[in-house]
Amino acid sequence: MSETRSEIHRSDDTAALARAAAERFVSVVVDAQRARGTASVVLTGGGTGVATLAAVRDLGGDIDWSAVDVFFGDERFLPEGDPERNYVQARDALLDHVGVDPDRVHVMAPSDSPLGDDVEAAAVTYLQSVAAFAPEDGPAFDIHLLGMGPDSHVNSLFAHGDAVQEKSRWVVAVTDSPKPPPVRITLTLPAVNRSRHVWFLVSGEGKADAVAACVGGADPVEHPAAGAHGLESTVWFLDAGSASRL
């Protein structure tokens, strides 16, 4: 299937960006539930990602949260309640405030789970969870939200790393992240690109060069975000700063 053309959505600031993304998030989830009775989303962390989840909490009254499967694009391999974990941030911003079914929230194992400090085993366990949910062909997720760093990394896919060059596995362990903590679990580009909608949530002028490179079709090994595409839409939700080089 050919890649979707990137759509650019500019907002004045992070708050407006988060609201615009949240409005579209709610619309897509509601439409998916009307069509199929259920929806699936992949959440992200970071300041702009968390602001978007909080906006979804405020705007998502029409979503049947009991019929949403929630996944995470990546996770820091830290103890269960660590505030740096994306799951903890998502709970605080969204999940603890809506009627989500806990059995449908698919959490990457923390470092103090029964698996212990074996991040490779934790990655395999999450891969099994995703594989049990995803169809053999066709879209696996309705929406995959992505933050992006000034180095163009998305999820825990960093330039020139093994994870960003993975061609088949959907979930891998990362043990040498250049951004602390070094040990993480991440969905790969083959998983991201099986999403109907891939949306970037990016704010700040410090990311403007990376945005311009990725929108312009840079090499994903050098600029990982350039390799992420939705089957139906690829949208860059940007504030004035991050869009300033376009």
Foldseek 3Di string as FASTA:
>chain_A
DDFDAEAEAEDAALLRLLLVVLVVVLVLQLVCCVVPVAAEEEAEDDDSRLSNQLNNQVVNPSHPQCRYAYHYQKFAQADDCDCRTRVNSSCVRHDVRDDHDVVRHQDQDHCPDPVHNPLQVSQVVSLVVQVVQADPDAASHAEYEWEADLQQDTHQQHAQDPQAVDDDRQKGWAQQRPDPPRTMIGGYQVNQASYQEYEYRYEALSNQVLVVCLSVQHDCNRRVNVSGGHPHHYYYSYYCNNPVVD
